[in-house]
């Protein structure tokens, strides 16, 4: 009689393991799609604002429209979506411990030659006793970003004044093209 439960377990476990892997693959694909949707929309808004009122107009758009876009996308998708950085501009963009560790890992990998555009991390963690799927995708600095995130001495006086007015504790300058500016981070309870 002892052999039947062991045999049953041996036959069922591979199916359970396969299902868990399939679920992880589906979650990863869903997370990638959710995370990939917001940056192009934000870049489009920023380009429109720069064309309309210069880079200083994009700073206002970034401070007001980006959080609204993230909130709307969160409500639509069921994922909690935000942007974080080790050198944050917005005080709400400070990473939690998990996000900080991932951003530091991204920086190490980029310094060793990994293409920042390829950097991502996905993991199931426990938050307040609940299993949660977390995903982060690095956001490398683009040429357009340097208007407000590049070297301060290369920014216009209008941009510097706007940054000072909106973000007096700004840490998000000094970047070059390709450096990791931060990451989009999303999570969803399982």
N, C-alpha and C. Protein backbone atom coordinates (compact mmCIF):
# COMPACT_ATOMS: atom_id res chain seq x y z
N UNK A 1 0.80 -1.19 0.00
CA UNK A 1 0.00 0.00 0.00
C UNK A 1 0.85 1.26 0.00
N UNK A 2 2.00 1.21 0.59
CA UNK A 2 2.87 2.39 0.62
C UNK A 2 3.33 2.78 -0.77
N UNK A 3 3.44 1.83 -1.64
CA UNK A 3 3.95 2.15 -2.97
C UNK A 3 2.97 2.98 -3.79
N UNK A 4 1.69 2.82 -3.60
CA UNK A 4 0.71 3.56 -4.39
C UNK A 4 0.84 5.08 -4.16
N UNK A 5 0.88 5.60 -2.91
CA UNK A 5 1.02 7.05 -2.74
C UNK A 5 2.33 7.56 -3.35
N UNK A 6 3.41 6.80 -3.20
CA UNK A 6 4.68 7.25 -3.76
C UNK A 6 4.59 7.27 -5.29
N UNK A 7 4.02 6.24 -5.86
CA UNK A 7 3.87 6.19 -7.31
C UNK A 7 2.96 7.32 -7.79
N UNK A 8 1.85 7.55 -7.07
CA UNK A 8 0.94 8.63 -7.42
C UNK A 8 1.67 9.97 -7.38
N UNK A 9 2.43 10.22 -6.32
CA UNK A 9 3.19 11.46 -6.17
C UNK A 9 4.19 11.62 -7.31
N UNK A 10 4.86 10.55 -7.66
CA UNK A 10 5.87 10.61 -8.72
C UNK A 10 5.22 10.91 -10.07
N UNK A 11 4.01 10.42 -10.27
CA UNK A 11 3.33 10.68 -11.53
C UNK A 11 2.72 12.08 -11.60
N UNK A 12 2.23 12.60 -10.48
CA UNK A 12 1.55 13.90 -10.45
C UNK A 12 2.54 15.06 -10.39
N UNK A 13 3.63 14.94 -9.67
CA UNK A 13 4.58 16.04 -9.50
C UNK A 13 5.11 16.63 -10.80
N UNK A 14 5.49 15.84 -11.78
CA UNK A 14 5.95 16.47 -13.02
C UNK A 14 4.89 17.36 -13.65
N UNK A 15 3.63 16.98 -13.54
CA UNK A 15 2.55 17.80 -14.09
C UNK A 15 2.46 19.11 -13.32
N UNK A 16 2.56 19.05 -11.99
CA UNK A 16 2.50 20.27 -11.18
C UNK A 16 3.68 21.18 -11.48
N UNK A 17 4.86 20.61 -11.63
CA UNK A 17 6.03 21.41 -11.95
C UNK A 17 5.88 22.04 -13.33
N UNK A 18 5.36 21.29 -14.29
CA UNK A 18 5.18 21.83 -15.64
C UNK A 18 4.16 22.97 -15.60
N UNK A 19 3.07 22.82 -14.85
CA UNK A 19 2.06 23.87 -14.74
C UNK A 19 2.66 25.12 -14.11
N UNK A 20 3.46 24.97 -13.07
CA UNK A 20 4.08 26.14 -12.43
C UNK A 20 4.99 26.86 -13.41
N UNK A 21 5.75 26.11 -14.18
CA UNK A 21 6.63 26.75 -15.17
C UNK A 21 5.82 27.46 -16.24
N UNK A 22 4.73 26.85 -16.70
CA UNK A 22 3.88 27.48 -17.71
C UNK A 22 3.26 28.75 -17.14
N UNK A 23 2.82 28.72 -15.88
CA UNK A 23 2.26 29.92 -15.24
C UNK A 23 3.31 31.01 -15.14
N UNK A 24 4.55 30.65 -14.77
CA UNK A 24 5.63 31.64 -14.69
C UNK A 24 5.90 32.26 -16.04
N UNK A 25 5.89 31.45 -17.08
CA UNK A 25 6.12 31.96 -18.43
C UNK A 25 5.01 32.91 -18.84
N UNK A 26 3.78 32.56 -18.54
CA UNK A 26 2.64 33.42 -18.88
C UNK A 26 2.71 34.73 -18.09
N UNK A 27 3.05 34.66 -16.82
CA UNK A 27 3.19 35.88 -16.01
C UNK A 27 4.30 36.77 -16.54
N UNK A 28 5.42 36.17 -16.89
CA UNK A 28 6.54 36.95 -17.41
C UNK A 28 6.15 37.65 -18.71
N UNK A 29 5.48 36.95 -19.58
CA UNK A 29 5.06 37.56 -20.85
C UNK A 29 4.06 38.69 -20.60
N UNK A 30 3.12 38.46 -19.69
CA UNK A 30 2.16 39.51 -19.35
C UNK A 30 2.88 40.72 -18.75
N UNK A 31 3.81 40.48 -17.83
CA UNK A 31 4.56 41.57 -17.21
C UNK A 31 5.36 42.36 -18.25
N UNK A 32 6.00 41.66 -19.15
CA UNK A 32 6.76 42.34 -20.21
C UNK A 32 5.86 43.24 -21.04
N UNK A 33 4.69 42.73 -21.39
CA UNK A 33 3.76 43.52 -22.21
C UNK A 33 3.27 44.75 -21.46
N UNK A 34 2.93 44.58 -20.19
CA UNK A 34 2.46 45.72 -19.39
C UNK A 34 3.58 46.75 -19.25
N UNK A 35 4.78 46.30 -18.92
CA UNK A 35 5.90 47.21 -18.71
C UNK A 35 6.30 47.91 -20.01
N UNK A 36 6.18 47.23 -21.13
CA UNK A 36 6.60 47.81 -22.41
C UNK A 36 5.62 48.86 -22.93
N UNK A 37 4.40 48.86 -22.45
CA UNK A 37 3.39 49.76 -22.99
C UNK A 37 3.59 51.21 -22.56
N UNK A 38 4.06 51.45 -21.36
CA UNK A 38 4.10 52.82 -20.85
C UNK A 38 5.24 53.69 -21.39
N UNK A 39 6.48 53.22 -21.46
CA UNK A 39 7.56 54.11 -21.91
C UNK A 39 7.34 54.76 -23.28
N UNK A 40 6.87 54.04 -24.31
CA UNK A 40 6.65 54.72 -25.59
C UNK A 40 5.59 55.82 -25.51
N UNK A 41 4.53 55.58 -24.71
CA UNK A 41 3.49 56.59 -24.55
C UNK A 41 4.05 57.83 -23.86
N UNK A 42 4.85 57.62 -22.83
CA UNK A 42 5.45 58.75 -22.12
C UNK A 42 6.41 59.51 -23.04
N UNK A 43 7.22 58.80 -23.82
CA UNK A 43 8.15 59.47 -24.74
C UNK A 43 7.38 60.30 -25.75
N UNK A 44 6.26 59.81 -26.23
CA UNK A 44 5.44 60.55 -27.18
C UNK A 44 4.92 61.85 -26.54
N UNK A 45 4.42 61.76 -25.32
CA UNK A 45 3.95 62.94 -24.60
C UNK A 45 5.09 63.94 -24.40
N UNK A 46 6.25 63.44 -24.01
CA UNK A 46 7.39 64.33 -23.79
C UNK A 46 7.83 65.02 -25.08
N UNK A 47 7.85 64.28 -26.18
CA UNK A 47 8.21 64.87 -27.47
C UNK A 47 7.23 65.97 -27.87
N UNK A 48 5.94 65.73 -27.63
CA UNK A 48 4.92 66.75 -27.92
C UNK A 48 5.14 67.99 -27.07
N UNK A 49 5.42 67.80 -25.80
CA UNK A 49 5.63 68.94 -24.89
C UNK A 49 6.89 69.72 -25.25
N UNK A 50 7.93 69.02 -25.64
CA UNK A 50 9.17 69.70 -26.05
C UNK A 50 8.92 70.51 -27.31
N UNK A 51 8.18 69.95 -28.26
CA UNK A 51 7.86 70.67 -29.49
C UNK A 51 7.00 71.90 -29.19
N UNK A 52 6.13 71.80 -28.22
CA UNK A 52 5.22 72.90 -27.89
C UNK A 52 5.89 73.98 -27.06
N UNK A 53 6.69 73.59 -26.04
CA UNK A 53 7.20 74.60 -25.13
C UNK A 53 8.62 74.38 -24.66
N UNK A 54 9.37 73.57 -25.38
CA UNK A 54 10.75 73.32 -24.99
C UNK A 54 10.86 72.30 -23.88
N UNK A 55 12.09 71.95 -23.52
CA UNK A 55 12.30 70.92 -22.50
C UNK A 55 11.66 71.24 -21.15
N UNK A 56 11.60 72.53 -20.79
CA UNK A 56 11.00 72.87 -19.49
C UNK A 56 9.52 72.49 -19.45
N UNK A 57 8.84 72.51 -20.61
CA UNK A 57 7.46 72.05 -20.67
C UNK A 57 7.34 70.55 -20.44
N UNK A 58 8.35 69.83 -20.86
CA UNK A 58 8.35 68.37 -20.66
C UNK A 58 8.50 68.03 -19.18
N UNK A 59 9.18 68.89 -18.42
CA UNK A 59 9.35 68.62 -16.99
C UNK A 59 7.99 68.63 -16.31
N UNK A 60 7.16 69.61 -16.63
CA UNK A 60 5.80 69.65 -16.06
C UNK A 60 5.00 68.43 -16.47
N UNK A 61 5.11 68.06 -17.75
CA UNK A 61 4.38 66.88 -18.23
C UNK A 61 4.84 65.63 -17.49
N UNK A 62 6.13 65.53 -17.30
CA UNK A 62 6.67 64.36 -16.61
C UNK A 62 6.19 64.32 -15.15
N UNK A 63 6.11 65.46 -14.52
CA UNK A 63 5.71 65.48 -13.11
C UNK A 63 4.22 65.25 -12.93
N UNK A 64 3.41 65.62 -13.93
CA UNK A 64 1.96 65.51 -13.80
C UNK A 64 1.39 64.34 -14.60
N UNK A 65 1.79 64.23 -15.85
CA UNK A 65 1.17 63.24 -16.73
C UNK A 65 1.70 61.83 -16.52
N UNK A 66 2.99 61.69 -16.24
CA UNK A 66 3.56 60.34 -16.07
C UNK A 66 2.90 59.59 -14.91
N UNK A 67 2.75 60.21 -13.73
CA UNK A 67 2.06 59.49 -12.65
C UNK A 67 0.60 59.16 -13.00
N UNK A 68 -0.06 60.08 -13.70
CA UNK A 68 -1.45 59.82 -14.11
C UNK A 68 -1.52 58.67 -15.10
N UNK A 69 -0.55 58.62 -16.01
CA UNK A 69 -0.50 57.52 -16.97
C UNK A 69 -0.26 56.19 -16.27
N UNK A 70 0.64 56.18 -15.29
CA UNK A 70 0.92 54.95 -14.55
C UNK A 70 -0.31 54.50 -13.76
N UNK A 71 -1.01 55.46 -13.17
CA UNK A 71 -2.22 55.12 -12.40
C UNK A 71 -3.29 54.54 -13.32
N UNK A 72 -3.51 55.17 -14.47
CA UNK A 72 -4.51 54.67 -15.42
C UNK A 72 -4.14 53.28 -15.93
N UNK A 73 -2.86 53.07 -16.23
CA UNK A 73 -2.41 51.75 -16.70
C UNK A 73 -2.56 50.71 -15.60
N UNK A 74 -2.29 51.10 -14.36
CA UNK A 74 -2.45 50.17 -13.23
C UNK A 74 -3.91 49.75 -13.10
N UNK A 75 -4.81 50.70 -13.19
CA UNK A 75 -6.24 50.40 -13.08
C UNK A 75 -6.71 49.51 -14.23
N UNK A 76 -6.19 49.76 -15.41
CA UNK A 76 -6.61 49.00 -16.60
C UNK A 76 -6.07 47.57 -16.57
N UNK A 77 -4.83 47.39 -16.12
CA UNK A 77 -4.18 46.08 -16.23
C UNK A 77 -4.25 45.22 -14.96
N UNK A 78 -4.46 45.85 -13.81
CA UNK A 78 -4.43 45.11 -12.55
C UNK A 78 -3.03 44.98 -11.97
N UNK A 79 -2.05 45.55 -12.62
CA UNK A 79 -0.68 45.57 -12.13
C UNK A 79 -0.41 46.93 -11.49
N UNK A 80 0.32 46.95 -10.41
CA UNK A 80 0.79 48.20 -9.82
C UNK A 80 2.02 48.63 -10.61
N UNK A 81 1.97 49.83 -11.21
CA UNK A 81 3.02 50.29 -12.12
C UNK A 81 3.60 51.61 -11.62
N UNK A 82 4.94 51.69 -11.60
CA UNK A 82 5.60 52.95 -11.29
C UNK A 82 7.02 52.93 -11.82
N UNK A 83 7.67 54.09 -11.78
CA UNK A 83 9.07 54.19 -12.17
C UNK A 83 9.88 54.50 -10.92
N UNK A 84 11.07 53.91 -10.84
CA UNK A 84 11.96 54.14 -9.70
C UNK A 84 13.37 54.38 -10.21
N UNK A 85 14.18 54.98 -9.35
CA UNK A 85 15.57 55.26 -9.72
C UNK A 85 16.42 55.33 -8.46
N UNK A 86 17.69 54.97 -8.61
CA UNK A 86 18.64 55.16 -7.51
C UNK A 86 18.95 56.64 -7.33
N UNK A 87 18.77 57.41 -8.41
CA UNK A 87 18.94 58.86 -8.36
C UNK A 87 17.59 59.47 -8.76
N UNK A 88 16.68 59.46 -7.82
CA UNK A 88 15.32 59.87 -8.13
C UNK A 88 15.17 61.39 -8.21
N UNK A 89 14.24 61.78 -9.01
CA UNK A 89 13.83 63.18 -9.11
C UNK A 89 12.58 63.37 -8.26
N UNK A 90 11.59 62.55 -8.51
CA UNK A 90 10.34 62.60 -7.76
C UNK A 90 10.53 61.84 -6.44
N UNK A 91 10.17 62.46 -5.32
CA UNK A 91 10.33 61.75 -4.03
C UNK A 91 9.52 60.46 -3.95
N UNK A 92 8.51 60.30 -4.80
CA UNK A 92 7.71 59.06 -4.82
C UNK A 92 8.39 57.96 -5.62
N UNK A 93 9.49 58.27 -6.28
CA UNK A 93 10.19 57.29 -7.12
C UNK A 93 11.36 56.62 -6.40
N UNK A 94 11.36 56.67 -5.08
CA UNK A 94 12.40 56.01 -4.30
C UNK A 94 12.12 54.50 -4.32
N UNK A 95 13.11 53.70 -4.66
CA UNK A 95 12.87 52.25 -4.72
C UNK A 95 12.74 51.63 -3.33
N UNK A 96 11.93 50.57 -3.25
CA UNK A 96 11.90 49.78 -2.02
C UNK A 96 13.14 48.89 -2.01
N UNK A 97 13.30 48.07 -1.00
CA UNK A 97 14.52 47.26 -0.87
C UNK A 97 14.71 46.32 -2.06
N UNK A 98 13.65 45.67 -2.51
CA UNK A 98 13.76 44.74 -3.63
C UNK A 98 14.15 45.50 -4.90
N UNK A 99 13.49 46.63 -5.13
CA UNK A 99 13.78 47.43 -6.32
C UNK A 99 15.20 47.99 -6.28
N UNK A 100 15.64 48.42 -5.12
CA UNK A 100 17.01 48.94 -4.97
C UNK A 100 18.03 47.86 -5.34
N UNK A 101 17.81 46.66 -4.82
CA UNK A 101 18.74 45.56 -5.12
C UNK A 101 18.76 45.26 -6.62
N UNK A 102 17.60 45.29 -7.27
CA UNK A 102 17.54 45.02 -8.70
C UNK A 102 18.24 46.14 -9.48
N UNK A 103 17.99 47.40 -9.12
CA UNK A 103 18.65 48.52 -9.79
C UNK A 103 20.17 48.43 -9.63
N UNK A 104 20.63 48.07 -8.46
CA UNK A 104 22.08 47.92 -8.24
C UNK A 104 22.63 46.78 -9.09
N UNK A 105 21.86 45.70 -9.20
CA UNK A 105 22.27 44.58 -10.07
C UNK A 105 22.31 45.03 -11.53
N UNK A 106 21.31 45.79 -11.95
CA UNK A 106 21.31 46.32 -13.32
C UNK A 106 22.57 47.15 -13.58
N UNK A 107 22.92 48.02 -12.63
CA UNK A 107 24.11 48.87 -12.80
C UNK A 107 25.38 48.02 -12.91
N UNK A 108 25.49 46.98 -12.08
CA UNK A 108 26.66 46.08 -12.14
C UNK A 108 26.73 45.39 -13.50
N UNK A 109 25.60 44.88 -13.96
CA UNK A 109 25.57 44.18 -15.24
C UNK A 109 25.90 45.13 -16.39
N UNK A 110 25.36 46.33 -16.36
CA UNK A 110 25.65 47.31 -17.42
C UNK A 110 27.13 47.68 -17.40
N UNK A 111 27.71 47.83 -16.21
CA UNK A 111 29.13 48.17 -16.10
C UNK A 111 30.02 47.05 -16.64
N UNK A 112 29.51 45.82 -16.60
CA UNK A 112 30.30 44.69 -17.10
C UNK A 112 30.03 44.43 -18.59
N UNK A 113 29.23 45.30 -19.23
CA UNK A 113 29.06 45.19 -20.67
C UNK A 113 27.70 44.71 -21.16
N UNK A 114 26.79 44.37 -20.27
CA UNK A 114 25.46 43.94 -20.69
C UNK A 114 24.70 45.14 -21.22
N UNK A 115 24.01 44.97 -22.33
CA UNK A 115 23.20 46.03 -22.92
C UNK A 115 22.07 46.40 -21.95
N UNK A 116 22.01 47.66 -21.50
CA UNK A 116 20.96 48.05 -20.55
C UNK A 116 19.55 47.81 -21.07
N UNK A 117 19.34 47.86 -22.38
CA UNK A 117 18.01 47.63 -22.94
C UNK A 117 17.54 46.19 -22.70
N UNK A 118 18.46 45.29 -22.42
CA UNK A 118 18.12 43.88 -22.22
C UNK A 118 17.89 43.54 -20.75
N UNK A 119 18.12 44.47 -19.85
CA UNK A 119 18.07 44.16 -18.42
C UNK A 119 16.64 44.13 -17.89
N UNK A 120 16.30 43.00 -17.30
CA UNK A 120 15.00 42.82 -16.67
C UNK A 120 15.14 41.81 -15.54
N UNK A 121 14.19 41.84 -14.63
CA UNK A 121 14.20 40.89 -13.51
C UNK A 121 12.75 40.57 -13.19
N UNK A 122 12.47 39.29 -13.01
CA UNK A 122 11.13 38.83 -12.62
C UNK A 122 11.28 37.83 -11.50
N UNK A 123 10.37 37.92 -10.54
CA UNK A 123 10.49 37.04 -9.38
C UNK A 123 9.16 37.02 -8.61
N UNK A 124 8.83 35.86 -8.08
CA UNK A 124 7.70 35.76 -7.16
C UNK A 124 8.26 35.92 -5.75
N UNK A 125 7.70 36.86 -5.01
CA UNK A 125 8.14 37.15 -3.65
C UNK A 125 6.92 37.12 -2.73
N UNK A 126 7.18 37.17 -1.44
CA UNK A 126 6.10 37.26 -0.46
C UNK A 126 6.13 38.66 0.14
N UNK A 127 5.01 39.37 0.01
CA UNK A 127 4.86 40.71 0.58
C UNK A 127 3.68 40.67 1.54
N UNK A 128 3.94 40.98 2.80
CA UNK A 128 2.89 40.96 3.83
C UNK A 128 2.12 39.65 3.82
N UNK A 129 2.83 38.54 3.66
CA UNK A 129 2.24 37.22 3.70
C UNK A 129 1.57 36.77 2.40
N UNK A 130 1.57 37.61 1.38
CA UNK A 130 0.92 37.26 0.11
C UNK A 130 1.95 37.09 -1.00
N UNK A 131 1.79 36.02 -1.78
CA UNK A 131 2.67 35.83 -2.94
C UNK A 131 2.39 36.92 -3.96
N UNK A 132 3.46 37.53 -4.46
CA UNK A 132 3.36 38.64 -5.39
C UNK A 132 4.38 38.45 -6.49
N UNK A 133 3.95 38.69 -7.72
CA UNK A 133 4.86 38.61 -8.86
C UNK A 133 5.39 40.01 -9.12
N UNK A 134 6.73 40.13 -9.18
CA UNK A 134 7.38 41.42 -9.41
C UNK A 134 8.21 41.35 -10.68
N UNK A 135 8.23 42.47 -11.38
CA UNK A 135 8.98 42.56 -12.62
C UNK A 135 9.56 43.98 -12.74
N UNK A 136 10.81 44.05 -13.17
CA UNK A 136 11.45 45.34 -13.43
C UNK A 136 12.16 45.29 -14.77
N UNK A 137 12.11 46.40 -15.48
CA UNK A 137 12.78 46.57 -16.77
C UNK A 137 13.56 47.87 -16.72
N UNK A 138 14.86 47.78 -17.02
CA UNK A 138 15.72 48.97 -17.00
C UNK A 138 15.27 49.98 -18.04
N UNK A 139 15.42 51.25 -17.69
CA UNK A 139 15.12 52.35 -18.60
C UNK A 139 16.41 53.11 -18.88
N UNK A 140 17.07 52.78 -19.99
CA UNK A 140 18.30 53.49 -20.34
C UNK A 140 18.00 54.93 -20.78
N UNK A 141 18.93 55.81 -20.52
CA UNK A 141 18.79 57.21 -20.90
C UNK A 141 18.93 57.35 -22.42
N UNK A 142 18.01 58.09 -23.02
CA UNK A 142 18.05 58.37 -24.45
C UNK A 142 18.54 59.80 -24.66
N UNK A 143 18.84 60.13 -25.88
CA UNK A 143 19.30 61.49 -26.22
C UNK A 143 18.30 62.53 -25.73
N UNK A 144 17.03 62.30 -25.97
CA UNK A 144 15.97 63.22 -25.56
C UNK A 144 16.00 63.48 -24.05
N UNK A 145 16.34 62.47 -23.28
CA UNK A 145 16.34 62.57 -21.81
C UNK A 145 17.39 63.54 -21.29
N UNK A 146 18.45 63.74 -22.07
CA UNK A 146 19.56 64.58 -21.60
C UNK A 146 19.15 66.04 -21.42
N UNK A 147 18.08 66.47 -22.08
CA UNK A 147 17.59 67.84 -21.89
C UNK A 147 17.35 68.15 -20.42
N UNK A 148 16.91 67.14 -19.67
CA UNK A 148 16.56 67.34 -18.25
C UNK A 148 17.30 66.42 -17.30
N UNK A 149 17.98 65.40 -17.84
CA UNK A 149 18.68 64.44 -16.99
C UNK A 149 20.17 64.37 -17.29
N UNK A 150 20.64 65.19 -18.21
CA UNK A 150 22.06 65.19 -18.56
C UNK A 150 22.88 65.98 -17.56
N UNK A 151 23.99 66.43 -18.00
CA UNK A 151 24.90 67.21 -17.15
C UNK A 151 24.30 68.61 -16.94
N UNK A 152 24.26 69.06 -15.70
CA UNK A 152 23.63 70.34 -15.36
C UNK A 152 24.25 71.50 -16.13
N UNK A 153 25.56 71.46 -16.33
CA UNK A 153 26.21 72.56 -17.03
C UNK A 153 25.81 72.64 -18.51
N UNK A 154 25.18 71.61 -19.02
CA UNK A 154 24.74 71.60 -20.42
C UNK A 154 23.24 71.88 -20.56
N UNK A 155 22.56 72.07 -19.44
CA UNK A 155 21.11 72.34 -19.47
C UNK A 155 20.87 73.84 -19.55
N UNK A 156 19.72 74.18 -20.13
CA UNK A 156 19.35 75.59 -20.24
C UNK A 156 18.98 76.14 -18.86
N UNK A 157 19.07 77.45 -18.74
CA UNK A 157 18.68 78.12 -17.49
C UNK A 157 17.20 77.88 -17.18
N UNK A 158 16.37 77.85 -18.23
CA UNK A 158 14.93 77.61 -18.02
C UNK A 158 14.69 76.21 -17.45
N UNK A 159 15.39 75.23 -17.95
CA UNK A 159 15.26 73.87 -17.44
C UNK A 159 15.72 73.81 -15.98
N UNK A 160 16.86 74.38 -15.69
CA UNK A 160 17.37 74.37 -14.32
C UNK A 160 16.41 75.07 -13.36
N UNK A 161 15.82 76.18 -13.79
CA UNK A 161 14.87 76.90 -12.94
C UNK A 161 13.62 76.06 -12.69
N UNK A 162 13.13 75.41 -13.73
CA UNK A 162 11.94 74.56 -13.59
C UNK A 162 12.21 73.37 -12.68
N UNK A 163 13.38 72.75 -12.83
CA UNK A 163 13.76 71.63 -11.96
C UNK A 163 13.82 72.09 -10.51
N UNK A 164 14.42 73.23 -10.28
CA UNK A 164 14.53 73.76 -8.91
C UNK A 164 13.16 74.03 -8.32
N UNK A 165 12.25 74.57 -9.14
CA UNK A 165 10.90 74.89 -8.65
C UNK A 165 10.10 73.63 -8.32
N UNK A 166 10.17 72.63 -9.20
CA UNK A 166 9.36 71.42 -9.00
C UNK A 166 10.04 70.36 -8.13
N UNK A 167 11.36 70.28 -8.22
CA UNK A 167 12.11 69.22 -7.54
C UNK A 167 13.35 69.80 -6.85
N UNK A 168 13.17 70.49 -5.74
CA UNK A 168 14.33 71.11 -5.09
C UNK A 168 15.38 70.10 -4.59
N UNK A 169 15.00 68.85 -4.43
CA UNK A 169 15.94 67.81 -3.96
C UNK A 169 16.29 66.84 -5.08
N UNK A 170 16.27 67.31 -6.31
CA UNK A 170 16.52 66.49 -7.49
C UNK A 170 17.89 65.82 -7.45
N UNK A 171 17.90 64.53 -7.71
CA UNK A 171 19.15 63.76 -7.81
C UNK A 171 19.38 63.23 -9.22
N UNK A 172 18.44 63.48 -10.13
CA UNK A 172 18.38 62.77 -11.41
C UNK A 172 19.06 63.49 -12.56
N UNK A 173 20.26 63.99 -12.35
CA UNK A 173 21.01 64.61 -13.43
C UNK A 173 22.39 63.97 -13.52
N UNK A 174 23.12 64.33 -14.58
CA UNK A 174 24.47 63.83 -14.76
C UNK A 174 24.57 62.58 -15.60
N UNK A 175 23.48 62.20 -16.25
CA UNK A 175 23.46 60.98 -17.06
C UNK A 175 24.03 61.21 -18.45
N UNK A 176 24.52 60.13 -19.05
CA UNK A 176 24.91 60.08 -20.45
C UNK A 176 23.97 59.11 -21.16
N UNK A 177 23.91 59.21 -22.47
CA UNK A 177 23.08 58.30 -23.27
C UNK A 177 23.49 56.86 -22.97
N UNK A 178 22.48 56.02 -22.75
CA UNK A 178 22.72 54.60 -22.51
C UNK A 178 22.84 54.21 -21.05
N UNK A 179 23.10 55.17 -20.17
CA UNK A 179 23.16 54.83 -18.75
C UNK A 179 21.76 54.52 -18.24
N UNK A 180 21.68 53.70 -17.22
CA UNK A 180 20.39 53.33 -16.67
C UNK A 180 19.87 54.49 -15.82
N UNK A 181 18.80 55.10 -16.30
CA UNK A 181 18.18 56.23 -15.62
C UNK A 181 17.34 55.73 -14.45
N UNK A 182 16.80 54.54 -14.59
CA UNK A 182 15.94 53.94 -13.58
C UNK A 182 15.30 52.70 -14.18
N UNK A 183 14.11 52.38 -13.69
CA UNK A 183 13.41 51.20 -14.21
C UNK A 183 11.92 51.37 -14.04
N UNK A 184 11.20 50.69 -14.91
CA UNK A 184 9.76 50.57 -14.70
C UNK A 184 9.60 49.33 -13.83
N UNK A 185 8.79 49.44 -12.81
CA UNK A 185 8.61 48.34 -11.87
C UNK A 185 7.12 48.06 -11.74
N UNK A 186 6.77 46.80 -11.84
CA UNK A 186 5.36 46.43 -11.73
C UNK A 186 5.24 45.21 -10.81
N UNK A 187 4.08 45.10 -10.19
CA UNK A 187 3.83 43.94 -9.34
C UNK A 187 2.34 43.64 -9.31
N UNK A 188 2.05 42.37 -9.00
CA UNK A 188 0.67 41.92 -8.98
C UNK A 188 0.55 40.77 -7.98
N UNK A 189 -0.42 40.87 -7.06
CA UNK A 189 -0.63 39.73 -6.14
C UNK A 189 -1.07 38.50 -6.91
N UNK A 190 -0.62 37.35 -6.45
CA UNK A 190 -1.01 36.10 -7.12
C UNK A 190 -2.16 35.44 -6.37
